[in-house]
Every structure is written in C-alpha cells, then in structure tokens.
Amino acid sequence: MYKTNKTISIHIVSWNSLSVLPHCLESILSQSFQDYSIILVDNASQDQTLVWIEKKYPFIHIIRNSRNQGFSYAHNQAIRASDSPFILVVNPDVIMAPDYLEKTFSFIQKNPNIASIGGKLIRDQKSRVLDSAGLVIHSNRKVSERGAGEIDQGQYDQSESVFGVSGALALYRRKSLEQTKLGEDYFDSFFFAYKEDIDLAWRLRHDGWDNWYLPTAEALHPRTVKELGSGTSWKQRVFNRNQRGKRINSLSYRNHLCLLIKNQDTESFKKNFLKILWYEFAKFCYLLLYHPKSLKSLLEIYRKRKDLLEKRKQILQNSDFDLTPWIIKS
C-alpha cells in the first residue's frame, strides 16, 4: 500500500497520454486544496510518458503495467494501493479549475451519505459547450451524459442529486467503494473500459449511497484524446481509427448488456419492458447491419454468465433502491 496520510488520493490512468498529461498535472498542482497525493497507473505507454513523469514529477507514485489493462483494472490497482479516505479519478485530458478540489471536497465532507461528486464538465471553454452535468438514465435504459453538446446557459446551475457522475472526473468516498466492491473490484474489471462509471454509480445507488452534481466546480474535458479509457496521440487516433471503432462498439455494447444483467431490478424492468425491448432490438439490428463483429460480445457474456449472475445476486440481495424516480422519458 502507498501510505501518504493525505486526504485525497488522485488517480490517473495513462496510455500514450504524454500529449495531454502536462496540462492535466499542471491543473492538479495549481489546486487551492493541496492535501493530496498522486498515483499514475501506466498501461504500457510507448510515448515516453514514464520517462517524462520520472524526470519532471519524481514525487508521483507510478504503477507500471506490462500491457494495456484498461481503465477499470488500472484504477482498481490505484485504489487498492492507496490509503486516503477520498479518491479522485481523473482522465489525463481533464483540466480542473484551481478551486475544483476545494469545492467538491468541502461539499462531500459535509454530506456523509454522498458516495461520489462531480462538477460541471465543459468541452470548450470559449463556446461553453457542455460535456457532462451528471449521468441520467432513460426509460429504455440508455444512460447518457446530461447536457452533453448543449451550450451552457445556466440550465444546469442547480446543485443536486443525480443518478451518477462521469468517471472522467469523479471524487469518491473510500468507505462507499469498500462497501460496494465486488470481490477485489471497485470498477468492474471485466468492463475493461466504457460504462464502468455507470455500473459503479448504479451499484452505489443499490447500496443506499447518493451521487451528487456540483455546478460551481468546473473542469475542461475536450474529449479530443479519449481512447479505451485513456488518452493517446492524434497520429495514433487517425492510424487506428477503424480498429478502434470496432473495439469501442464491441465494448460499449457488451458493457451495456452487463449493466442490465447486473443492476436492473425486476419491478422497474416490468414497467418499461416494451421500451427496453425496442431499444435493444433496434441496437441489435444496427450492429448486425453495420458492425456485425460487435455481436461477438454476446458470446463473451454467455461465457461469463455465471459470474454476472453471481454479481447480480450480490448487488440486489439487500437493495431496496427504487429506480423509477431517476428515469427520464426517452
């Protein structure tokens, strides 16, 4: 365990993220709240990320992986390695306002039932295009980033409880993660990347915890380098576009189904059965026509069915969470 006696442990997962890490780390080091340590988990970067970090920021604790383990597994490594009562998960392409940590920590500290808190994420500072104002769940069980693509005109300036917060930048209470973890996993490692933050948010709800949105805490998340849970260079994104697209579609579809298998309770499923069925049918047909290889993920789910059902049993056995108030019309 990486013992620091710091209040917040900040965790970054890097994978060829050198093009964006300097801005992210600069924003972290410029925070008005300074009671934190930093852990960087590197998923076998080939762009000199580690050489640069070791030279410029020797105080950052590094965990090295010999291959790309994905977002979920890598963040689990960092959580297990740390001992702080609060954990900030941050994507390498995120730039926080100087008071982000101060505001989110102050709020979560005063509200002991809050498991996670996230601020207002903006894609472009000049145009004020929003990236996320929390996660919302629809009647067809699609989960989306609230406000994504909208111009910020104050429509999400109310501090409020939300279904979940974006994993791009989320402050978690360790106590809630320990209570909600499945085996040794906080984020489900099977997800690899994509929708693991939704899964965790839903599980926290099942365990009676609250997730909160705080609009006065702002950060920039341009999404120009998002790649399987981490950042990468422009050249790599162009060169690997087709291969990445297939992998992303497959992971996204597989993980969406895993979300339902693990977290969807019977009662609310009955209420929205037709909408869920139609959405799943339409998605299946789309993938069959345009991305048929993504349907191979159904075989992965079949192979993992016993594990998924065991996780479902663990999640739902003591849950009295009512999903209905959180569902918005699709």
Protein backbone atom coordinates (compact mmCIF):
# COMPACT_ATOMS: atom_id res chain seq x y z
CA MET A 1 0.00 0.00 0.00
CA TYR A 2 1.17 3.53 -0.86
CA LYS A 3 0.80 5.27 2.53
CA THR A 4 0.64 9.03 2.32
CA ASN A 5 -1.60 10.26 5.16
CA LYS A 6 -3.18 12.56 2.59
CA THR A 7 -6.91 13.28 2.50
CA ILE A 8 -7.32 12.71 -1.26
CA SER A 9 -5.51 10.26 -3.49
CA ILE A 10 -5.60 11.43 -7.11
CA HIS A 11 -5.51 8.62 -9.67
CA ILE A 12 -4.66 8.93 -13.36
CA VAL A 13 -4.52 6.07 -15.86
CA SER A 14 -2.20 6.78 -18.78
CA TRP A 15 -1.78 5.06 -22.10
CA ASN A 16 0.32 7.11 -24.53
CA SER A 17 -1.04 10.23 -22.85
CA LEU A 18 2.02 12.46 -22.98
CA SER A 19 0.31 14.93 -25.33
CA VAL A 20 -2.23 15.88 -22.65
CA LEU A 21 -0.74 14.96 -19.27
CA PRO A 22 1.23 18.22 -18.80
CA HIS A 23 -1.97 20.29 -18.81
CA CYS A 24 -3.77 17.84 -16.52
CA LEU A 25 -0.93 17.73 -13.98
CA GLU A 26 -0.46 21.49 -14.09
CA SER A 27 -4.13 21.92 -13.15
CA ILE A 28 -3.73 19.42 -10.29
CA LEU A 29 -0.64 21.13 -8.90
CA SER A 30 -2.40 24.51 -9.13
CA GLN A 31 -5.29 23.45 -6.88
CA SER A 32 -6.10 25.64 -3.88
CA PHE A 33 -6.61 22.40 -1.91
CA GLN A 34 -3.22 20.73 -1.53
CA ASP A 35 -3.82 17.81 0.85
CA TYR A 36 -3.43 15.11 -1.80
CA SER A 37 -1.06 12.57 -3.32
CA ILE A 38 -0.92 11.42 -6.95
CA ILE A 39 -0.80 7.88 -8.32
CA LEU A 40 -0.31 7.30 -12.03
CA VAL A 41 -1.03 3.84 -13.45
CA ASP A 42 0.62 3.42 -16.83
CA ASN A 43 -0.79 0.87 -19.26
CA ALA A 44 2.42 0.16 -21.19
CA SER A 45 2.81 3.56 -22.85
CA GLN A 46 5.19 3.79 -25.81
CA ASP A 47 5.42 7.59 -25.96
CA GLN A 48 7.97 8.30 -23.19
CA THR A 49 5.25 9.11 -20.66
CA LEU A 50 7.10 7.45 -17.80
CA VAL A 51 10.47 8.98 -18.68
CA TRP A 52 8.89 12.42 -18.64
CA ILE A 53 7.00 11.82 -15.37
CA GLU A 54 10.03 10.44 -13.55
CA LYS A 55 12.17 13.37 -14.63
CA LYS A 56 9.70 16.20 -14.02
CA TYR A 57 7.50 14.83 -11.21
CA PRO A 58 9.52 12.30 -9.17
CA PHE A 59 7.03 12.60 -6.28
CA ILE A 60 4.27 10.93 -8.31
CA HIS A 61 3.85 7.28 -7.39
CA ILE A 62 3.88 5.15 -10.56
CA ILE A 63 2.34 1.72 -11.09
CA ARG A 64 3.62 0.08 -14.28
CA ASN A 65 1.64 -2.44 -16.29
CA SER A 66 3.31 -4.57 -18.95
CA ARG A 67 0.27 -4.27 -21.23
CA ASN A 68 -2.87 -2.16 -21.58
CA GLN A 69 -5.09 -3.41 -18.77
CA GLY A 70 -7.86 -0.89 -19.43
CA PHE A 71 -9.48 1.81 -17.34
CA SER A 72 -11.24 -0.37 -14.77
CA TYR A 73 -8.39 -2.71 -13.83
CA ALA A 74 -5.84 0.10 -13.65
CA HIS A 75 -7.98 2.29 -11.41
CA ASN A 76 -8.63 -0.69 -9.16
CA GLN A 77 -4.87 -1.07 -8.81
CA ALA A 78 -4.55 2.56 -7.72
CA ILE A 79 -7.45 2.35 -5.25
CA ARG A 80 -6.00 -0.78 -3.65
CA ALA A 81 -2.56 0.81 -3.47
CA SER A 82 -3.75 3.97 -1.73
CA ASP A 83 -4.98 4.63 1.79
CA SER A 84 -6.69 8.03 1.55
CA PRO A 85 -10.33 8.37 2.66
CA PHE A 86 -11.22 10.11 -0.63
CA ILE A 87 -10.23 9.21 -4.18
CA LEU A 88 -10.26 11.45 -7.24
CA VAL A 89 -10.45 9.58 -10.55
CA VAL A 90 -9.31 11.86 -13.35
CA ASN A 91 -8.81 11.32 -17.07
CA PRO A 92 -5.44 12.55 -18.41
CA ASP A 93 -7.18 15.00 -20.77
CA VAL A 94 -9.07 16.80 -17.99
CA ILE A 95 -8.07 20.28 -16.80
CA MET A 96 -9.56 21.35 -13.47
CA ALA A 97 -10.30 24.88 -12.35
CA PRO A 98 -7.99 25.84 -9.43
CA ASP A 99 -10.79 25.51 -6.86
CA TYR A 100 -12.24 22.22 -8.14
CA LEU A 101 -10.86 20.02 -5.36
CA GLU A 102 -11.61 22.56 -2.65
CA LYS A 103 -15.27 22.87 -3.65
CA THR A 104 -16.02 19.18 -4.24
CA PHE A 105 -14.20 18.00 -1.11
CA SER A 106 -15.85 20.63 1.09
CA PHE A 107 -19.28 19.53 -0.12
CA ILE A 108 -18.78 15.76 0.14
CA GLN A 109 -17.15 16.10 3.56
CA LYS A 110 -20.22 17.88 4.91
CA ASN A 111 -22.63 15.28 3.48
CA PRO A 112 -21.74 11.79 4.76
CA ASN A 113 -24.27 9.95 2.58
CA ILE A 114 -22.67 11.16 -0.66
CA ALA A 115 -20.51 8.48 -2.29
CA SER A 116 -19.43 10.42 -5.37
CA ILE A 117 -19.45 14.01 -6.53
CA GLY A 118 -18.73 15.56 -9.89
CA GLY A 119 -18.68 19.10 -11.20
CA LYS A 120 -19.67 20.75 -14.46
CA LEU A 121 -17.53 19.38 -17.30
CA ILE A 122 -17.09 21.61 -20.34
CA ARG A 123 -15.78 20.56 -23.75
CA ASP A 124 -14.78 24.02 -24.95
CA GLN A 125 -14.20 26.98 -22.66
CA LYS A 126 -14.79 29.62 -25.32
CA SER A 127 -18.08 28.30 -26.69
CA ARG A 128 -19.17 26.87 -23.31
CA VAL A 129 -20.25 23.57 -24.87
CA LEU A 130 -21.07 21.16 -22.07
CA ASP A 131 -19.60 17.69 -21.74
CA SER A 132 -21.40 16.42 -18.64
CA ALA A 133 -23.63 17.65 -15.85
CA GLY A 134 -24.06 14.20 -14.35
CA LEU A 135 -25.40 10.89 -15.65
CA VAL A 136 -29.08 10.34 -16.45
CA ILE A 137 -30.90 7.07 -17.14
CA HIS A 138 -33.70 6.82 -19.69
CA SER A 139 -36.79 4.60 -19.72
CA ASN A 140 -35.15 2.40 -22.37
CA ARG A 141 -32.14 2.09 -20.00
CA LYS A 142 -29.79 4.11 -22.13
CA VAL A 143 -27.54 6.11 -19.80
CA SER A 144 -26.18 9.42 -21.09
CA GLU A 145 -24.21 12.46 -20.01
CA ARG A 146 -26.72 15.16 -19.07
CA GLY A 147 -26.32 18.31 -21.14
CA ALA A 148 -23.68 16.84 -23.48
CA GLY A 149 -23.32 19.03 -26.58
CA GLU A 150 -25.53 21.81 -25.21
CA ILE A 151 -24.43 25.40 -24.75
CA ASP A 152 -24.05 26.25 -21.09
CA GLN A 153 -26.69 28.88 -20.39
CA GLY A 154 -27.15 28.15 -16.72
CA GLN A 155 -29.66 25.34 -17.28
CA TYR A 156 -27.61 23.03 -15.04
CA ASP A 157 -26.58 25.50 -12.37
CA GLN A 158 -28.57 23.75 -9.65
CA SER A 159 -26.58 21.65 -7.19
CA GLU A 160 -28.48 18.37 -6.96
CA SER A 161 -28.52 14.62 -6.54
CA VAL A 162 -28.03 12.79 -9.85
CA PHE A 163 -28.17 9.15 -10.94
CA GLY A 164 -24.39 9.15 -11.24
CA VAL A 165 -21.33 11.22 -12.14
CA SER A 166 -18.94 10.93 -15.06
CA GLY A 167 -15.88 8.77 -14.48
CA ALA A 168 -13.80 11.31 -16.37
CA LEU A 169 -13.56 13.31 -13.16
CA ALA A 170 -15.18 11.96 -10.01
CA LEU A 171 -14.41 12.32 -6.33
CA TYR A 172 -15.33 9.13 -4.42
CA ARG A 173 -15.62 8.37 -0.73
CA ARG A 174 -13.49 5.29 0.00
CA LYS A 175 -16.00 3.97 2.54
CA SER A 176 -18.64 3.72 -0.19
CA LEU A 177 -16.26 1.98 -2.58
CA GLU A 178 -15.29 -0.58 0.04
CA GLN A 179 -18.94 -1.27 0.79
CA THR A 180 -19.89 -1.59 -2.87
CA LYS A 181 -16.94 -3.50 -4.31
CA LEU A 182 -17.42 -6.93 -5.88
CA GLY A 183 -14.62 -9.22 -4.75
CA GLU A 184 -11.49 -7.11 -5.22
CA ASP A 185 -13.07 -4.88 -7.89
CA TYR A 186 -14.30 -1.35 -7.30
CA PHE A 187 -14.78 -0.73 -11.01
CA ASP A 188 -15.73 -3.99 -12.72
CA SER A 189 -12.51 -5.19 -14.40
CA PHE A 190 -14.49 -7.21 -16.93
CA PHE A 191 -15.71 -3.94 -18.45
CA PHE A 192 -12.11 -3.00 -19.39
CA ALA A 193 -13.32 0.47 -20.43
CA TYR A 194 -16.62 2.24 -21.17
CA LYS A 195 -19.66 2.35 -18.88
CA GLU A 196 -17.70 1.20 -15.83
CA ASP A 197 -18.57 4.53 -14.18
CA ILE A 198 -22.29 3.88 -14.85
CA ASP A 199 -22.03 0.43 -13.33
CA LEU A 200 -20.38 1.81 -10.20
CA ALA A 201 -22.91 4.66 -9.91
CA TRP A 202 -25.80 2.17 -10.15
CA ARG A 203 -24.25 -0.15 -7.57
CA LEU A 204 -23.71 2.76 -5.19
CA ARG A 205 -27.40 3.57 -5.53
CA HIS A 206 -28.33 -0.04 -4.76
CA ASP A 207 -26.25 0.20 -1.59
CA GLY A 208 -28.08 3.30 -0.42
CA TRP A 209 -25.47 5.91 -1.32
CA ASP A 210 -26.06 9.22 -3.06
CA ASN A 211 -24.28 10.69 -6.12
CA TRP A 212 -24.10 14.46 -6.43
CA TYR A 213 -23.59 17.15 -9.06
CA LEU A 214 -21.91 20.43 -8.03
CA PRO A 215 -22.01 23.02 -10.86
CA THR A 216 -19.78 25.57 -9.13
CA ALA A 217 -16.87 23.13 -9.53
CA GLU A 218 -15.78 23.28 -13.18
CA ALA A 219 -13.32 21.41 -15.37
CA LEU A 220 -12.46 21.20 -19.04
CA HIS A 221 -12.87 17.83 -20.78
CA PRO A 222 -12.42 18.30 -24.54
CA ARG A 223 -12.58 14.54 -25.35
CA THR A 224 -10.05 15.03 -28.15
CA VAL A 225 -7.95 12.09 -26.99
CA LYS A 226 -10.38 9.63 -25.43
CA GLU A 227 -9.28 6.12 -26.27
CA LEU A 228 -10.30 2.96 -24.42
CA GLY A 229 -10.36 4.73 -21.09
CA SER A 230 -7.27 6.86 -21.56
CA GLY A 231 -5.54 9.34 -23.83
CA THR A 232 -3.50 8.88 -26.98
CA SER A 233 -1.85 10.97 -29.66
CA TRP A 234 -3.52 12.44 -32.75
CA LYS A 235 -1.47 10.28 -35.12
CA GLN A 236 -2.39 7.12 -33.28
CA ARG A 237 -6.05 8.03 -33.29
CA VAL A 238 -6.06 8.55 -37.07
CA PHE A 239 -3.94 5.49 -37.83
CA ASN A 240 -6.01 3.16 -35.66
CA ARG A 241 -9.46 4.64 -36.34
CA ASN A 242 -11.09 1.58 -37.90
CA GLN A 243 -9.64 -0.88 -35.43
CA ARG A 244 -10.56 1.37 -32.51
CA GLY A 245 -14.10 1.86 -33.77
CA LYS A 246 -14.75 -1.89 -33.84
CA ARG A 247 -13.26 -2.38 -30.38
CA ILE A 248 -15.19 0.53 -28.90
CA ASN A 249 -18.51 -0.63 -30.39
CA SER A 250 -17.96 -4.12 -29.06
CA LEU A 251 -17.03 -2.95 -25.56
CA SER A 252 -19.85 -0.43 -25.41
CA TYR A 253 -22.50 -2.97 -26.45
CA ARG A 254 -21.17 -5.73 -24.22
CA ASN A 255 -20.89 -3.48 -21.18
CA HIS A 256 -24.36 -2.04 -21.72
CA LEU A 257 -25.82 -5.53 -21.53
CA CYS A 258 -23.69 -6.32 -18.49
CA LEU A 259 -25.11 -3.23 -16.80
CA LEU A 260 -28.64 -4.55 -17.24
CA ILE A 261 -27.83 -8.09 -16.18
CA LYS A 262 -26.10 -6.93 -13.01
CA ASN A 263 -28.17 -3.95 -11.90
CA GLN A 264 -31.64 -3.99 -13.42
CA ASP A 265 -34.28 -4.94 -10.85
CA THR A 266 -37.38 -6.89 -11.88
CA GLU A 267 -40.05 -4.37 -10.86
CA SER A 268 -38.81 -1.35 -12.80
CA PHE A 269 -37.94 -3.64 -15.73
CA LYS A 270 -41.60 -4.70 -15.96
CA LYS A 271 -42.74 -1.06 -16.03
CA ASN A 272 -40.54 -0.20 -19.03
CA PHE A 273 -40.37 -3.62 -20.68
CA LEU A 274 -41.56 -2.54 -24.14
CA LYS A 275 -39.25 0.47 -24.35
CA ILE A 276 -36.28 -1.60 -23.23
CA LEU A 277 -37.13 -4.39 -25.66
CA TRP A 278 -37.50 -1.99 -28.59
CA TYR A 279 -34.24 -0.23 -27.80
CA GLU A 280 -32.34 -3.49 -27.55
CA PHE A 281 -33.90 -4.79 -30.76
CA ALA A 282 -33.02 -1.58 -32.65
CA LYS A 283 -29.46 -1.64 -31.32
CA PHE A 284 -29.04 -5.30 -32.26
CA CYS A 285 -30.28 -4.65 -35.81
CA TYR A 286 -27.99 -1.65 -36.22
CA LEU A 287 -24.94 -3.62 -35.12
CA LEU A 288 -25.96 -6.56 -37.29
CA LEU A 289 -26.06 -4.31 -40.36
CA TYR A 290 -23.10 -2.01 -39.71
CA HIS A 291 -20.86 -3.60 -37.05
CA PRO A 292 -21.65 -7.34 -37.07
CA LYS A 293 -18.37 -8.29 -35.38
CA SER A 294 -19.51 -6.37 -32.31
CA LEU A 295 -22.14 -9.05 -31.75
CA LYS A 296 -19.35 -11.45 -30.81
CA SER A 297 -19.58 -9.74 -27.43
CA LEU A 298 -22.75 -11.78 -26.85
CA LEU A 299 -20.55 -14.85 -26.73
CA GLU A 300 -18.34 -13.19 -24.11
CA ILE A 301 -21.41 -12.51 -21.98
CA TYR A 302 -22.57 -16.09 -22.36
CA ARG A 303 -19.20 -17.35 -21.18
CA LYS A 304 -19.31 -15.00 -18.19
CA ARG A 305 -22.99 -15.62 -17.41
CA LYS A 306 -22.38 -17.40 -14.07
CA ASP A 307 -20.08 -14.65 -12.86
CA LEU A 308 -22.50 -11.92 -13.97
CA LEU A 309 -25.46 -13.61 -12.27
CA GLU A 310 -23.45 -14.06 -9.09
CA LYS A 311 -22.62 -10.34 -9.14
CA ARG A 312 -26.30 -9.57 -9.72
CA LYS A 313 -27.24 -11.63 -6.69
CA GLN A 314 -24.72 -9.80 -4.55
CA ILE A 315 -25.83 -6.36 -5.78
CA LEU A 316 -29.59 -6.87 -5.46
CA GLN A 317 -29.91 -9.13 -2.43
CA ASN A 318 -30.11 -6.31 0.12
CA SER A 319 -31.17 -3.49 -2.19
CA ASP A 320 -34.38 -1.52 -1.79
CA PHE A 321 -33.35 1.08 -4.37
CA ASP A 322 -36.26 2.36 -6.47
CA LEU A 323 -35.02 3.26 -9.95
CA THR A 324 -38.31 4.80 -11.08
CA PRO A 325 -37.75 8.38 -9.81
CA TRP A 326 -34.45 8.55 -11.70
CA ILE A 327 -35.83 7.51 -15.08
CA ILE A 328 -36.35 10.25 -17.64
CA LYS A 329 -38.57 9.86 -20.70
CA SER A 330 -36.71 8.52 -23.76
